[in-house]
N, C-alpha and C. Protein backbone atom coordinates (compact mmCIF):
# COMPACT_ATOMS: atom_id res chain seq x y z
N MET A 1 75.56 35.81 -45.08
CA MET A 1 76.61 35.47 -44.80
C MET A 1 76.80 34.11 -43.71
N THR A 2 77.42 32.64 -44.32
CA THR A 2 76.85 31.68 -43.29
C THR A 2 77.86 31.96 -42.35
N LEU A 3 77.60 30.96 -41.53
CA LEU A 3 78.27 30.87 -40.28
C LEU A 3 79.08 30.45 -40.70
N PHE A 4 79.22 29.44 -41.50
CA PHE A 4 80.85 28.58 -42.01
C PHE A 4 82.09 29.76 -42.11
N ALA A 5 81.35 30.77 -43.20
CA ALA A 5 81.96 31.30 -43.69
C ALA A 5 83.20 33.39 -42.81
N LYS A 6 81.43 33.31 -41.95
CA LYS A 6 81.63 34.48 -40.40
C LYS A 6 83.02 34.12 -40.18
N TYR A 7 83.02 32.18 -39.37
CA TYR A 7 84.11 31.92 -39.29
C TYR A 7 85.15 31.01 -39.71
N LYS A 8 85.12 30.65 -40.77
CA LYS A 8 85.94 29.61 -41.20
C LYS A 8 87.36 29.94 -40.39
N GLN A 9 87.87 31.00 -40.90
CA GLN A 9 88.82 30.85 -40.41
C GLN A 9 89.70 29.96 -38.67
N THR A 10 88.99 30.71 -38.26
CA THR A 10 88.72 30.09 -36.64
C THR A 10 88.81 28.25 -36.56
N ILE A 11 87.41 27.85 -36.97
CA ILE A 11 87.34 26.86 -37.75
C ILE A 11 88.39 26.08 -37.91
N LEU A 12 88.48 27.15 -39.08
CA LEU A 12 89.64 25.93 -39.69
C LEU A 12 91.11 25.31 -39.37
N TYR A 13 91.28 26.81 -38.25
CA TYR A 13 92.16 26.48 -37.23
C TYR A 13 92.33 25.62 -36.33
N LEU A 14 90.60 25.57 -35.52
CA LEU A 14 90.06 24.22 -34.68
C LEU A 14 90.75 23.10 -35.13
N ILE A 15 90.11 22.84 -36.42
CA ILE A 15 90.12 21.42 -37.64
C ILE A 15 91.55 20.99 -37.27
N PHE A 16 92.83 21.69 -37.94
CA PHE A 16 94.06 22.16 -37.86
C PHE A 16 94.73 21.60 -37.29
N GLY A 17 94.65 22.34 -36.16
CA GLY A 17 94.96 21.99 -34.64
C GLY A 17 94.57 21.00 -34.33
N VAL A 18 93.30 20.55 -33.96
CA VAL A 18 93.61 19.25 -33.23
C VAL A 18 93.61 18.33 -34.56
N LEU A 19 93.79 17.83 -35.34
CA LEU A 19 95.26 17.57 -36.44
C LEU A 19 96.85 17.16 -36.20
N SER A 20 96.52 18.30 -36.08
CA SER A 20 98.65 18.55 -35.59
C SER A 20 98.84 18.45 -34.44
N THR A 21 97.67 17.94 -33.26
CA THR A 21 97.70 17.31 -31.63
C THR A 21 97.44 15.98 -32.02
N ILE A 22 96.89 15.52 -32.64
CA ILE A 22 97.00 14.37 -33.15
C ILE A 22 98.11 13.38 -33.29
N VAL A 23 98.55 14.63 -34.89
CA VAL A 23 100.49 13.52 -35.44
C VAL A 23 100.98 13.62 -33.51
N ASN A 24 100.91 14.82 -33.10
CA ASN A 24 101.88 15.40 -31.72
C ASN A 24 101.72 14.15 -30.93
N ILE A 25 100.55 13.84 -30.88
CA ILE A 25 100.77 13.27 -29.72
C ILE A 25 100.86 11.52 -29.86
N LEU A 26 100.87 12.07 -31.04
CA LEU A 26 100.84 9.21 -31.95
C LEU A 26 102.28 9.97 -32.41
N THR A 27 102.85 10.75 -32.82
CA THR A 27 104.64 10.47 -32.63
C THR A 27 105.44 11.05 -31.63
N TYR A 28 104.40 11.52 -30.41
CA TYR A 28 104.71 11.39 -29.48
C TYR A 28 104.63 9.92 -28.51
N THR A 29 103.71 9.47 -28.62
CA THR A 29 103.54 8.11 -28.06
C THR A 29 104.37 6.92 -28.60
N PHE A 30 104.49 7.05 -30.22
CA PHE A 30 105.22 5.82 -31.11
C PHE A 30 106.67 6.00 -30.18
N CYS A 31 107.32 6.87 -30.25
CA CYS A 31 109.16 7.69 -29.62
C CYS A 31 108.82 7.27 -28.60
N THR A 32 108.26 7.60 -27.88
CA THR A 32 108.23 6.23 -25.88
C THR A 32 107.80 5.73 -25.59
N ARG A 33 106.65 4.83 -26.25
CA ARG A 33 105.65 3.09 -26.29
C ARG A 33 107.15 2.13 -27.47
N ASN A 34 107.03 2.25 -28.26
CA ASN A 34 107.93 1.63 -29.37
C ASN A 34 108.94 1.75 -29.58
N LEU A 35 109.28 2.72 -29.34
CA LEU A 35 111.50 3.13 -29.83
C LEU A 35 111.60 3.27 -28.29
N ASN A 36 110.78 3.30 -27.24
CA ASN A 36 111.98 3.77 -25.35
C ASN A 36 112.64 4.55 -25.35
N ILE A 37 112.23 5.78 -26.61
CA ILE A 37 112.84 6.67 -25.79
C ILE A 37 112.15 7.62 -25.19
N GLU A 38 113.65 8.46 -24.02
CA GLU A 38 112.85 9.41 -22.88
C GLU A 38 112.17 10.95 -23.23
N PHE A 39 110.75 10.55 -22.63
CA PHE A 39 110.16 11.93 -22.68
C PHE A 39 110.06 13.14 -23.23
N LEU A 40 111.46 13.49 -22.74
CA LEU A 40 111.97 15.17 -24.05
C LEU A 40 112.19 14.83 -24.82
N ILE A 41 113.10 14.07 -24.80
CA ILE A 41 113.43 13.96 -26.56
C ILE A 41 112.25 13.68 -27.51
N SER A 42 111.40 12.66 -27.35
CA SER A 42 110.43 12.24 -27.61
C SER A 42 109.60 12.88 -27.98
N ASN A 43 109.20 14.45 -27.19
CA ASN A 43 108.88 15.72 -26.64
C ASN A 43 108.87 16.47 -27.50
N TRP A 44 110.80 16.26 -27.69
CA TRP A 44 111.06 17.66 -29.14
C TRP A 44 110.98 16.39 -30.40
N ILE A 45 110.71 15.09 -30.42
CA ILE A 45 110.49 14.41 -31.32
C ILE A 45 108.92 14.41 -32.31
N ALA A 46 108.02 14.55 -31.53
CA ALA A 46 107.11 14.55 -32.03
C ALA A 46 106.05 16.69 -31.95
N TRP A 47 107.30 17.05 -31.84
CA TRP A 47 107.20 19.11 -32.02
C TRP A 47 107.99 19.32 -33.82
N ILE A 48 108.98 18.03 -33.36
CA ILE A 48 108.85 18.96 -35.31
C ILE A 48 108.91 18.54 -36.09
N VAL A 49 108.07 17.84 -36.82
CA VAL A 49 106.73 16.51 -37.11
C VAL A 49 105.44 17.56 -36.68
N ALA A 50 105.28 17.87 -36.04
CA ALA A 50 103.90 18.44 -36.07
C ALA A 50 104.04 20.37 -36.94
N VAL A 51 104.91 20.71 -35.98
CA VAL A 51 105.67 21.90 -36.01
C VAL A 51 105.36 21.59 -38.33
N LEU A 52 105.96 20.89 -38.51
CA LEU A 52 106.24 21.23 -40.18
C LEU A 52 104.48 20.41 -40.91
N PHE A 53 103.83 19.58 -40.14
CA PHE A 53 102.43 19.59 -40.79
C PHE A 53 101.85 20.97 -40.59
N ALA A 54 101.87 21.05 -38.56
CA ALA A 54 101.13 22.41 -38.77
C ALA A 54 101.92 24.04 -39.78
N TYR A 55 102.35 23.99 -40.60
CA TYR A 55 102.93 24.89 -41.02
C TYR A 55 102.41 25.07 -41.86
N ILE A 56 102.65 24.29 -43.11
CA ILE A 56 101.72 23.64 -44.79
C ILE A 56 100.27 23.73 -43.97
N THR A 57 99.77 23.11 -43.26
CA THR A 57 97.79 23.07 -43.49
C THR A 57 97.72 24.62 -42.83
N ASN A 58 98.29 25.32 -41.86
CA ASN A 58 97.76 26.39 -41.76
C ASN A 58 98.14 27.96 -42.68
N LYS A 59 100.24 27.45 -43.58
CA LYS A 59 99.73 28.17 -45.08
C LYS A 59 99.02 28.46 -45.88
N PHE A 60 98.15 27.63 -46.57
CA PHE A 60 97.16 27.04 -47.33
C PHE A 60 96.17 26.93 -46.84
N PHE A 61 95.34 26.65 -45.89
CA PHE A 61 93.90 26.20 -45.57
C PHE A 61 93.66 27.17 -44.51
N VAL A 62 93.87 27.83 -43.24
CA VAL A 62 94.07 28.22 -42.30
C VAL A 62 94.36 29.75 -43.11
N PHE A 63 94.99 29.90 -42.65
CA PHE A 63 95.06 31.87 -43.52
C PHE A 63 95.51 31.91 -44.39
N GLU A 64 95.71 31.24 -46.27
CA GLU A 64 95.61 31.14 -47.02
C GLU A 64 96.64 31.98 -47.05
N SER A 65 97.59 31.89 -47.00
CA SER A 65 98.87 32.71 -47.59
C SER A 65 99.70 32.71 -48.69
N LYS A 66 99.19 32.62 -50.08
CA LYS A 66 99.64 32.73 -51.54
C LYS A 66 101.05 32.91 -52.28
N GLU A 67 101.92 33.47 -50.50
CA GLU A 67 102.93 33.42 -51.29
C GLU A 67 103.39 32.89 -51.38
N THR A 68 104.56 32.48 -52.58
CA THR A 68 105.03 31.30 -52.70
C THR A 68 107.06 31.60 -52.68
N ASN A 69 107.27 33.35 -52.45
CA ASN A 69 108.29 33.57 -53.74
C ASN A 69 109.24 32.95 -52.43
N ILE A 70 110.40 32.92 -52.55
CA ILE A 70 111.70 31.34 -51.19
C ILE A 70 111.57 32.07 -50.47
N LYS A 71 112.70 33.46 -51.03
CA LYS A 71 112.85 34.94 -50.16
C LYS A 71 111.71 35.20 -48.46
N PHE A 72 110.31 35.63 -49.45
CA PHE A 72 109.35 35.29 -48.83
C PHE A 72 109.46 33.90 -47.54
N LEU A 73 108.76 32.65 -48.37
CA LEU A 73 109.09 31.69 -47.08
C LEU A 73 110.45 31.26 -46.31
N ILE A 74 111.56 31.49 -46.87
CA ILE A 74 112.31 31.69 -45.46
C ILE A 74 111.78 32.52 -44.38
N LYS A 75 111.27 33.62 -44.80
CA LYS A 75 110.59 34.54 -44.03
C LYS A 75 110.38 33.69 -42.47
N GLU A 76 109.13 33.94 -43.50
CA GLU A 76 107.42 33.24 -43.22
C GLU A 76 107.38 31.90 -42.04
N LEU A 77 108.03 30.97 -42.75
CA LEU A 77 108.98 29.94 -42.55
C LEU A 77 109.32 29.99 -40.77
N SER A 78 111.02 30.60 -40.19
CA SER A 78 111.14 31.38 -40.04
C SER A 78 110.35 32.07 -38.15
N SER A 79 109.21 33.06 -38.88
CA SER A 79 108.52 33.32 -38.20
C SER A 79 107.90 31.95 -37.27
N PHE A 80 107.08 31.69 -37.88
CA PHE A 80 106.44 30.49 -37.99
C PHE A 80 107.03 29.68 -37.23
N VAL A 81 109.02 29.03 -37.19
CA VAL A 81 109.21 27.90 -36.34
C VAL A 81 109.83 29.21 -34.95
N SER A 82 109.81 30.12 -35.21
CA SER A 82 109.83 30.97 -33.65
C SER A 82 108.94 31.28 -32.69
N CYS A 83 107.64 31.33 -33.47
CA CYS A 83 106.61 31.39 -32.20
C CYS A 83 106.33 29.79 -31.79
N ARG A 84 107.12 29.31 -32.97
CA ARG A 84 105.78 27.89 -31.67
C ARG A 84 107.40 27.30 -30.93
N LEU A 85 108.17 27.57 -31.38
CA LEU A 85 109.61 27.37 -31.09
C LEU A 85 109.33 27.44 -29.28
N LEU A 86 108.43 28.96 -29.10
CA LEU A 86 108.25 29.54 -27.63
C LEU A 86 107.53 28.68 -27.42
N SER A 87 106.48 28.26 -27.31
CA SER A 87 105.40 27.76 -27.33
C SER A 87 105.95 25.92 -26.45
N GLY A 88 107.09 25.48 -27.81
CA GLY A 88 107.30 24.17 -27.84
C GLY A 88 108.04 24.35 -26.30
N ILE A 89 108.77 25.07 -26.37
CA ILE A 89 109.97 25.34 -24.54
C ILE A 89 108.68 25.63 -24.32
N ILE A 90 107.34 26.03 -23.22
CA ILE A 90 106.52 26.48 -22.34
C ILE A 90 105.30 25.09 -22.93
N GLU A 91 105.69 24.36 -23.58
CA GLU A 91 105.32 22.48 -23.35
C GLU A 91 106.40 22.03 -22.49
N MET A 92 107.44 22.32 -22.99
CA MET A 92 108.60 21.70 -22.19
C MET A 92 109.12 21.51 -20.20
N ILE A 93 108.53 23.14 -20.31
CA ILE A 93 109.08 24.33 -19.14
C ILE A 93 108.25 22.11 -18.58
N LEU A 94 106.09 23.27 -18.82
CA LEU A 94 105.02 22.16 -18.39
C LEU A 94 105.33 21.04 -18.18
N MET A 95 105.63 19.72 -19.32
CA MET A 95 105.99 18.33 -18.87
C MET A 95 106.98 18.25 -17.95
N TYR A 96 108.00 18.59 -17.83
CA TYR A 96 109.43 18.35 -16.97
C TYR A 96 108.33 18.41 -16.05
N THR A 97 107.50 19.38 -15.31
CA THR A 97 107.33 20.18 -14.10
C THR A 97 106.69 19.12 -13.62
N MET A 98 105.88 18.27 -14.49
CA MET A 98 104.20 17.25 -14.40
C MET A 98 104.47 16.80 -14.16
N ILE A 99 105.15 16.38 -15.10
CA ILE A 99 106.20 14.24 -15.25
C ILE A 99 107.16 14.22 -14.09
N SER A 100 108.37 14.74 -14.52
CA SER A 100 109.71 15.18 -13.19
C SER A 100 109.38 15.52 -12.11
N LEU A 101 108.90 16.22 -11.76
CA LEU A 101 108.91 16.79 -10.61
C LEU A 101 107.75 15.90 -9.59
N MET A 102 105.84 16.30 -10.48
CA MET A 102 104.56 15.37 -9.68
C MET A 102 104.59 14.42 -10.46
N SER A 103 104.70 13.14 -10.51
CA SER A 103 104.77 12.09 -11.03
C SER A 103 103.20 12.72 -11.20
N LEU A 104 103.22 13.18 -12.73
CA LEU A 104 101.68 12.28 -13.11
C LEU A 104 101.89 11.73 -14.10
N ASN A 105 101.37 11.18 -15.30
CA ASN A 105 101.32 9.84 -15.77
C ASN A 105 101.81 11.10 -17.23
N ASP A 106 102.37 10.64 -17.81
CA ASP A 106 103.05 11.65 -19.25
C ASP A 106 101.96 11.53 -20.45
N PHE A 107 101.58 10.88 -20.65
CA PHE A 107 100.25 11.07 -21.72
C PHE A 107 99.63 12.02 -21.67
N ILE A 108 98.89 11.81 -20.35
CA ILE A 108 97.94 12.13 -19.78
C ILE A 108 98.74 14.15 -19.54
N VAL A 109 99.42 14.58 -19.67
CA VAL A 109 99.88 15.47 -19.78
C VAL A 109 100.76 16.00 -20.54
N LYS A 110 100.40 15.23 -22.17
CA LYS A 110 100.49 14.78 -22.91
C LYS A 110 98.94 15.79 -23.60
N ILE A 111 98.58 15.61 -23.36
CA ILE A 111 97.10 16.55 -24.14
C ILE A 111 96.99 16.96 -23.02
N ILE A 112 97.33 17.38 -21.87
CA ILE A 112 96.60 18.63 -21.33
C ILE A 112 97.81 20.27 -21.81
N THR A 113 98.86 19.53 -22.11
CA THR A 113 100.48 21.10 -21.75
C THR A 113 99.92 20.75 -23.95
N ASN A 114 99.06 19.95 -24.36
CA ASN A 114 99.06 20.50 -25.95
C ASN A 114 97.57 21.06 -25.71
N VAL A 115 96.82 21.22 -25.49
CA VAL A 115 95.73 22.14 -25.04
C VAL A 115 95.85 23.48 -25.31
N VAL A 116 97.11 24.05 -24.57
CA VAL A 116 97.80 25.61 -24.01
C VAL A 116 98.73 25.67 -25.09
N VAL A 117 99.01 25.14 -25.60
CA VAL A 117 99.73 25.55 -27.47
C VAL A 117 99.07 25.83 -28.14
N VAL A 118 97.75 24.76 -28.46
CA VAL A 118 97.32 25.22 -29.30
C VAL A 118 96.55 26.47 -29.19
N ILE A 119 96.27 27.19 -27.89
CA ILE A 119 95.87 27.96 -27.58
C ILE A 119 97.11 29.00 -27.91
N LEU A 120 98.39 28.78 -27.23
CA LEU A 120 99.01 29.90 -27.98
C LEU A 120 99.72 30.10 -29.32
N ASN A 121 99.63 29.01 -30.10
CA ASN A 121 99.72 29.22 -31.41
C ASN A 121 98.94 29.99 -32.12
N PHE A 122 97.67 29.38 -31.61
CA PHE A 122 96.57 30.49 -32.79
C PHE A 122 96.68 31.82 -32.55
N ILE A 123 97.54 32.31 -31.37
CA ILE A 123 97.54 33.67 -31.20
C ILE A 123 98.23 34.11 -31.61
N PHE A 124 99.73 33.31 -32.26
CA PHE A 124 100.82 33.49 -32.49
C PHE A 124 100.78 34.11 -34.19
N SER A 125 100.11 33.02 -34.53
CA SER A 125 100.26 32.76 -36.01
C SER A 125 99.21 34.01 -36.17
N LYS A 126 98.14 33.67 -35.55
CA LYS A 126 97.27 35.66 -35.88
C LYS A 126 98.07 36.55 -35.78
N LEU A 127 98.73 36.68 -34.87
CA LEU A 127 98.39 38.62 -34.25
C LEU A 127 100.48 38.36 -35.35
N ILE A 128 100.98 37.09 -35.41
CA ILE A 128 102.34 37.25 -36.04
C ILE A 128 102.56 36.79 -37.38
N ILE A 129 102.31 35.71 -37.14
CA ILE A 129 103.03 35.32 -38.55
C ILE A 129 101.95 35.36 -39.99
N PHE A 130 100.16 35.46 -39.39
CA PHE A 130 100.61 35.07 -40.60
C PHE A 130 99.19 36.33 -41.27
N LYS A 131 99.20 37.72 -39.94
CA LYS A 131 98.33 38.88 -39.89
C LYS A 131 98.38 39.28 -41.34
N ASN A 132 97.26 39.81 -41.59
CA ASN A 132 96.41 40.12 -42.87
C ASN A 132 97.37 41.60 -42.42
N LYS A 133 98.22 41.91 -43.58
CA LYS A 133 99.14 42.96 -43.99
C LYS A 133 99.40 43.91 -45.31
C-alpha cells in the first residue's frame, strides 16, 4: 500500500480544506474590502459559500459518499450544515472577541480562526457526517 493510499482521506481532506479556506477568505475579503460589508455579516456570507463548496468536495472526493437518494441527501446535507454551523458560531465568537474587543487585524484573525475551524470540521465530518456505516 502506498503512502498516499494509506492516508488518502486525510490528504484529500487537507487539500479541499485548504481550498475551502481560500474560498472562505477570498469571499470574506471581497465582501469587507470591495463591498464594504461589516465583518460579521461578511463572515456569514463567506461561511455559506465555503460550506456549499466544502459539502460538495467532501461528499464526492474526500469521504466518497456515493448515496444520491434525495431523502438521504437532505439528511446528509442537514447533518453537514449543522456541524458546520457549530464551528461557524465558534468562529464568529472568536472573530468578535479578537476584532471588536481586542482590536486585532480582521484579516489576520480570519486566517487564525480558519485553522481552528478546519480542525473542528474534520473531526465533525469524520465522526458524525460521513462516518463509515
